[in-house]
Amino acid sequence: MKAVLEFNYPEDERKLLYAIKGKDMYVTLVSIRVLLAKRITHKADMADTLEGVRNAIDDIFYDLGE
């Protein structure tokens, strides 16, 4: 199956970014959600949790070449 997507660049730059990198962005959001679910408790170390979130975001930016 083939799909043709048309974008008016630069006006649709954000839509183009989502079309190209959307799957990777979604995977990162799911990873962050899972990380938060594992770490957040009533006695959670918030600094440690936020560092984990930051690391997950940094990893995806690295993987995407940003």
PDB file of N, CA and C in Angstrom:
ATOM      1  N   MET A   1       0.840  -1.166   0.000  1.00  0.00           N
ATOM      2  CA  MET A   1       0.000   0.000   0.000  1.00  0.00           C
ATOM      3  C   MET A   1       0.891   1.235   0.000  1.00  0.00           C
ATOM      4  N   LYS A   2       0.500   2.206  -0.774  1.00  0.00           N
ATOM      5  CA  LYS A   2       1.224   3.471  -0.822  1.00  0.00           C
ATOM      6  C   LYS A   2       0.276   4.588  -0.433  1.00  0.00           C
ATOM      7  N   ALA A   3       0.840   5.581   0.181  1.00  0.00           N
ATOM      8  CA  ALA A   3       0.068   6.767   0.528  1.00  0.00           C
ATOM      9  C   ALA A   3       0.865   7.985   0.106  1.00  0.00           C
ATOM     10  N   VAL A   4       0.184   8.937  -0.428  1.00  0.00           N
ATOM     11  CA  VAL A   4       0.815  10.184  -0.828  1.00  0.00           C
ATOM     12  C   VAL A   4       0.291  11.277   0.101  1.00  0.00           C
ATOM     13  N   LEU A   5       1.217  11.910   0.785  1.00  0.00           N
ATOM     14  CA  LEU A   5       0.859  13.002   1.679  1.00  0.00           C
ATOM     15  C   LEU A   5       1.368  14.301   1.074  1.00  0.00           C
ATOM     16  N   GLU A   6       0.528  15.302   1.064  1.00  0.00           N
ATOM     17  CA  GLU A   6       0.932  16.592   0.521  1.00  0.00           C
ATOM     18  C   GLU A   6       0.954  17.623   1.635  1.00  0.00           C
ATOM     19  N   PHE A   7       2.028  18.391   1.651  1.00  0.00           N
ATOM     20  CA  PHE A   7       2.185  19.440   2.646  1.00  0.00           C
ATOM     21  C   PHE A   7       2.638  20.709   1.955  1.00  0.00           C
ATOM     22  N   ASN A   8       2.167  21.827   2.451  1.00  0.00           N
ATOM     23  CA  ASN A   8       2.640  23.125   1.989  1.00  0.00           C
ATOM     24  C   ASN A   8       3.735  23.566   2.945  1.00  0.00           C
ATOM     25  N   TYR A   9       4.976  23.434   2.482  1.00  0.00           N
ATOM     26  CA  TYR A   9       6.104  23.769   3.339  1.00  0.00           C
ATOM     27  C   TYR A   9       6.422  25.236   3.170  1.00  0.00           C
ATOM     28  N   PRO A  10       6.648  26.020   4.150  1.00  0.00           N
ATOM     29  CA  PRO A  10       6.854  25.721   5.560  1.00  0.00           C
ATOM     30  C   PRO A  10       5.587  25.832   6.408  1.00  0.00           C
ATOM     31  N   GLU A  11       4.446  26.192   5.806  1.00  0.00           N
ATOM     32  CA  GLU A  11       3.228  26.381   6.593  1.00  0.00           C
ATOM     33  C   GLU A  11       2.814  25.114   7.341  1.00  0.00           C
ATOM     34  N   ASP A  12       2.997  23.965   6.732  1.00  0.00           N
ATOM     35  CA  ASP A  12       2.583  22.690   7.325  1.00  0.00           C
ATOM     36  C   ASP A  12       3.759  21.923   7.932  1.00  0.00           C
ATOM     37  N   GLU A  13       4.783  22.651   8.356  1.00  0.00           N
ATOM     38  CA  GLU A  13       5.982  21.977   8.871  1.00  0.00           C
ATOM     39  C   GLU A  13       5.659  21.071  10.059  1.00  0.00           C
ATOM     40  N   ARG A  14       4.793  21.518  10.953  1.00  0.00           N
ATOM     41  CA  ARG A  14       4.437  20.705  12.125  1.00  0.00           C
ATOM     42  C   ARG A  14       3.727  19.420  11.693  1.00  0.00           C
ATOM     43  N   LYS A  15       2.822  19.514  10.730  1.00  0.00           N
ATOM     44  CA  LYS A  15       2.128  18.312  10.240  1.00  0.00           C
ATOM     45  C   LYS A  15       3.112  17.349   9.585  1.00  0.00           C
ATOM     46  N   LEU A  16       4.073  17.894   8.861  1.00  0.00           N
ATOM     47  CA  LEU A  16       5.097  17.063   8.233  1.00  0.00           C
ATOM     48  C   LEU A  16       5.941  16.359   9.297  1.00  0.00           C
ATOM     49  N   LEU A  17       6.321  17.084  10.332  1.00  0.00           N
ATOM     50  CA  LEU A  17       7.097  16.503  11.425  1.00  0.00           C
ATOM     51  C   LEU A  17       6.333  15.347  12.067  1.00  0.00           C
ATOM     52  N   TYR A  18       5.041  15.552  12.336  1.00  0.00           N
ATOM     53  CA  TYR A  18       4.230  14.487  12.935  1.00  0.00           C
ATOM     54  C   TYR A  18       4.117  13.288  12.000  1.00  0.00           C
ATOM     55  N   ALA A  19       3.989  13.539  10.719  1.00  0.00           N
ATOM     56  CA  ALA A  19       3.876  12.435   9.759  1.00  0.00           C
ATOM     57  C   ALA A  19       5.167  11.619   9.703  1.00  0.00           C
ATOM     58  N   ILE A  20       6.297  12.292   9.808  1.00  0.00           N
ATOM     59  CA  ILE A  20       7.584  11.604   9.700  1.00  0.00           C
ATOM     60  C   ILE A  20       7.983  10.947  11.016  1.00  0.00           C
ATOM     61  N   LYS A  21       7.799  11.665  12.122  1.00  0.00           N
ATOM     62  CA  LYS A  21       8.323  11.206  13.404  1.00  0.00           C
ATOM     63  C   LYS A  21       7.244  10.862  14.422  1.00  0.00           C
ATOM     64  N   GLY A  22       6.001  10.866  14.005  1.00  0.00           N
ATOM     65  CA  GLY A  22       4.892  10.646  14.919  1.00  0.00           C
ATOM     66  C   GLY A  22       4.939   9.327  15.668  1.00  0.00           C
ATOM     67  N   LYS A  23       5.305   8.256  14.987  1.00  0.00           N
ATOM     68  CA  LYS A  23       5.358   6.941  15.643  1.00  0.00           C
ATOM     69  C   LYS A  23       6.385   6.956  16.767  1.00  0.00           C
ATOM     70  N   ASP A  24       7.555   7.512  16.499  1.00  0.00           N
ATOM     71  CA  ASP A  24       8.603   7.578  17.519  1.00  0.00           C
ATOM     72  C   ASP A  24       8.179   8.454  18.691  1.00  0.00           C
ATOM     73  N   MET A  25       7.483   9.540  18.400  1.00  0.00           N
ATOM     74  CA  MET A  25       6.987  10.411  19.466  1.00  0.00           C
ATOM     75  C   MET A  25       5.969   9.665  20.331  1.00  0.00           C
ATOM     76  N   TYR A  26       5.105   8.908  19.700  1.00  0.00           N
ATOM     77  CA  TYR A  26       4.094   8.139  20.440  1.00  0.00           C
ATOM     78  C   TYR A  26       4.757   7.105  21.350  1.00  0.00           C
ATOM     79  N   VAL A  27       5.749   6.403  20.819  1.00  0.00           N
ATOM     80  CA  VAL A  27       6.464   5.394  21.611  1.00  0.00           C
ATOM     81  C   VAL A  27       7.100   6.051  22.833  1.00  0.00           C
ATOM     82  N   THR A  28       7.651   7.238  22.669  1.00  0.00           N
ATOM     83  CA  THR A  28       8.253   7.951  23.795  1.00  0.00           C
ATOM     84  C   THR A  28       7.203   8.326  24.828  1.00  0.00           C
ATOM     85  N   LEU A  29       6.066   8.816  24.384  1.00  0.00           N
ATOM     86  CA  LEU A  29       5.002   9.173  25.327  1.00  0.00           C
ATOM     87  C   LEU A  29       4.529   7.952  26.115  1.00  0.00           C
ATOM     88  N   VAL A  30       4.412   6.821  25.457  1.00  0.00           N
ATOM     89  CA  VAL A  30       4.018   5.596  26.148  1.00  0.00           C
ATOM     90  C   VAL A  30       5.093   5.207  27.158  1.00  0.00           C
ATOM     91  N   SER A  31       6.352   5.332  26.776  1.00  0.00           N
ATOM     92  CA  SER A  31       7.449   5.007  27.696  1.00  0.00           C
ATOM     93  C   SER A  31       7.416   5.895  28.937  1.00  0.00           C
ATOM     94  N   ILE A  32       7.148   7.174  28.736  1.00  0.00           N
ATOM     95  CA  ILE A  32       7.055   8.111  29.866  1.00  0.00           C
ATOM     96  C   ILE A  32       5.873   7.739  30.754  1.00  0.00           C
ATOM     97  N   ARG A  33       4.768   7.395  30.138  1.00  0.00           N
ATOM     98  CA  ARG A  33       3.578   7.014  30.911  1.00  0.00           C
ATOM     99  C   ARG A  33       3.854   5.786  31.775  1.00  0.00           C
ATOM    100  N   VAL A  34       4.520   4.787  31.198  1.00  0.00           N
ATOM    101  CA  VAL A  34       4.858   3.575  31.938  1.00  0.00           C
ATOM    102  C   VAL A  34       5.835   3.898  33.065  1.00  0.00           C
ATOM    103  N   LEU A  35       6.834   4.711  32.765  1.00  0.00           N
ATOM    104  CA  LEU A  35       7.809   5.103  33.784  1.00  0.00           C
ATOM    105  C   LEU A  35       7.120   5.802  34.951  1.00  0.00           C
ATOM    106  N   LEU A  36       6.213   6.711  34.644  1.00  0.00           N
ATOM    107  CA  LEU A  36       5.494   7.419  35.702  1.00  0.00           C
ATOM    108  C   LEU A  36       4.617   6.474  36.508  1.00  0.00           C
ATOM    109  N   ALA A  37       3.966   5.549  35.838  1.00  0.00           N
ATOM    110  CA  ALA A  37       3.099   4.604  36.542  1.00  0.00           C
ATOM    111  C   ALA A  37       3.903   3.736  37.502  1.00  0.00           C
ATOM    112  N   LYS A  38       5.115   3.376  37.113  1.00  0.00           N
ATOM    113  CA  LYS A  38       5.957   2.546  37.968  1.00  0.00           C
ATOM    114  C   LYS A  38       6.495   3.323  39.167  1.00  0.00           C
ATOM    115  N   ARG A  39       6.815   4.592  38.967  1.00  0.00           N
ATOM    116  CA  ARG A  39       7.547   5.345  39.981  1.00  0.00           C
ATOM    117  C   ARG A  39       6.692   6.184  40.915  1.00  0.00           C
ATOM    118  N   ILE A  40       5.532   6.587  40.471  1.00  0.00           N
ATOM    119  CA  ILE A  40       4.752   7.495  41.302  1.00  0.00           C
ATOM    120  C   ILE A  40       3.945   6.704  42.318  1.00  0.00           C
ATOM    121  N   THR A  41       4.273   6.941  43.539  1.00  0.00           N
ATOM    122  CA  THR A  41       3.552   6.382  44.682  1.00  0.00           C
ATOM    123  C   THR A  41       3.408   7.516  45.683  1.00  0.00           C
ATOM    124  N   HIS A  42       2.809   7.242  46.804  1.00  0.00           N
ATOM    125  CA  HIS A  42       2.651   8.308  47.789  1.00  0.00           C
ATOM    126  C   HIS A  42       3.990   8.711  48.415  1.00  0.00           C
ATOM    127  N   LYS A  43       5.024   7.880  48.237  1.00  0.00           N
ATOM    128  CA  LYS A  43       6.354   8.207  48.765  1.00  0.00           C
ATOM    129  C   LYS A  43       7.375   8.320  47.634  1.00  0.00           C
ATOM    130  N   ALA A  44       6.932   8.715  46.481  1.00  0.00           N
ATOM    131  CA  ALA A  44       7.820   8.775  45.319  1.00  0.00           C
ATOM    132  C   ALA A  44       8.860   9.872  45.471  1.00  0.00           C
ATOM    133  N   ASP A  45      10.051   9.596  44.963  1.00  0.00           N
ATOM    134  CA  ASP A  45      11.105  10.603  44.880  1.00  0.00           C
ATOM    135  C   ASP A  45      10.876  11.370  43.572  1.00  0.00           C
ATOM    136  N   MET A  46      10.275  12.539  43.677  1.00  0.00           N
ATOM    137  CA  MET A  46       9.882  13.282  42.479  1.00  0.00           C
ATOM    138  C   MET A  46      11.080  13.698  41.639  1.00  0.00           C
ATOM    139  N   ALA A  47      12.198  14.043  42.268  1.00  0.00           N
ATOM    140  CA  ALA A  47      13.386  14.437  41.511  1.00  0.00           C
ATOM    141  C   ALA A  47      13.865  13.261  40.656  1.00  0.00           C
ATOM    142  N   ASP A  48      13.869  12.072  41.223  1.00  0.00           N
ATOM    143  CA  ASP A  48      14.279  10.876  40.494  1.00  0.00           C
ATOM    144  C   ASP A  48      13.310  10.571  39.364  1.00  0.00           C
ATOM    145  N   THR A  49      12.025  10.718  39.631  1.00  0.00           N
ATOM    146  CA  THR A  49      11.003  10.470  38.612  1.00  0.00           C
ATOM    147  C   THR A  49      11.132  11.454  37.458  1.00  0.00           C
ATOM    148  N   LEU A  50      11.292  12.728  37.780  1.00  0.00           N
ATOM    149  CA  LEU A  50      11.435  13.732  36.726  1.00  0.00           C
ATOM    150  C   LEU A  50      12.723  13.542  35.933  1.00  0.00           C
ATOM    151  N   GLU A  51      13.764  13.093  36.576  1.00  0.00           N
ATOM    152  CA  GLU A  51      15.002  12.801  35.854  1.00  0.00           C
ATOM    153  C   GLU A  51      14.778  11.658  34.861  1.00  0.00           C
ATOM    154  N   GLY A  52      14.008  10.653  35.256  1.00  0.00           N
ATOM    155  CA  GLY A  52      13.684   9.567  34.342  1.00  0.00           C
ATOM    156  C   GLY A  52      12.896  10.045  33.132  1.00  0.00           C
ATOM    157  N   VAL A  53      11.957  10.948  33.365  1.00  0.00           N
ATOM    158  CA  VAL A  53      11.177  11.518  32.263  1.00  0.00           C
ATOM    159  C   VAL A  53      12.095  12.312  31.342  1.00  0.00           C
ATOM    160  N   ARG A  54      12.944  13.140  31.935  1.00  0.00           N
ATOM    161  CA  ARG A  54      13.877  13.941  31.125  1.00  0.00           C
ATOM    162  C   ARG A  54      14.786  13.037  30.296  1.00  0.00           C
ATOM    163  N   ASN A  55      15.272  11.962  30.893  1.00  0.00           N
ATOM    164  CA  ASN A  55      16.140  11.035  30.163  1.00  0.00           C
ATOM    165  C   ASN A  55      15.405  10.368  29.003  1.00  0.00           C
ATOM    166  N   ALA A  56      14.144  10.004  29.211  1.00  0.00           N
ATOM    167  CA  ALA A  56      13.353   9.400  28.130  1.00  0.00           C
ATOM    168  C   ALA A  56      13.179  10.383  26.979  1.00  0.00           C
ATOM    169  N   ILE A  57      12.917  11.640  27.301  1.00  0.00           N
ATOM    170  CA  ILE A  57      12.764  12.673  26.266  1.00  0.00           C
ATOM    171  C   ILE A  57      14.089  12.900  25.546  1.00  0.00           C
ATOM    172  N   ASP A  58      15.174  13.001  26.310  1.00  0.00           N
ATOM    173  CA  ASP A  58      16.490  13.189  25.694  1.00  0.00           C
ATOM    174  C   ASP A  58      16.847  12.026  24.771  1.00  0.00           C
ATOM    175  N   ASP A  59      16.510  10.803  25.178  1.00  0.00           N
ATOM    176  CA  ASP A  59      16.799   9.623  24.357  1.00  0.00           C
ATOM    177  C   ASP A  59      16.082   9.687  23.014  1.00  0.00           C
ATOM    178  N   ILE A  60      14.821  10.087  23.028  1.00  0.00           N
ATOM    179  CA  ILE A  60      14.097  10.140  21.759  1.00  0.00           C
ATOM    180  C   ILE A  60      14.632  11.247  20.864  1.00  0.00           C
ATOM    181  N   PHE A  61      14.991  12.387  21.443  1.00  0.00           N
ATOM    182  CA  PHE A  61      15.590  13.447  20.632  1.00  0.00           C
ATOM    183  C   PHE A  61      16.922  12.974  20.020  1.00  0.00           C
ATOM    184  N   TYR A  62      17.687  12.237  20.796  1.00  0.00           N
ATOM    185  CA  TYR A  62      18.953  11.693  20.271  1.00  0.00           C
ATOM    186  C   TYR A  62      18.672  10.725  19.137  1.00  0.00           C
ATOM    187  N   ASP A  63      17.715   9.817  19.357  1.00  0.00           N
ATOM    188  CA  ASP A  63      17.374   8.837  18.324  1.00  0.00           C
ATOM    189  C   ASP A  63      16.850   9.491  17.052  1.00  0.00           C
ATOM    190  N   LEU A  64      16.151  10.607  17.208  1.00  0.00           N
ATOM    191  CA  LEU A  64      15.587  11.302  16.054  1.00  0.00           C
ATOM    192  C   LEU A  64      16.584  12.256  15.396  1.00  0.00           C
ATOM    193  N   GLY A  65      17.754  12.390  15.994  1.00  0.00           N
ATOM    194  CA  GLY A  65      18.773  13.256  15.416  1.00  0.00           C
ATOM    195  C   GLY A  65      18.554  14.725  15.690  1.00  0.00           C
ATOM    196  N   GLU A  66      17.873  15.033  16.774  1.00  0.00           N
ATOM    197  CA  GLU A  66      17.602  16.434  17.125  1.00  0.00           C
ATOM    198  C   GLU A  66      18.701  16.965  17.999  1.00  0.00           C
TER     199      GLU A  66
END
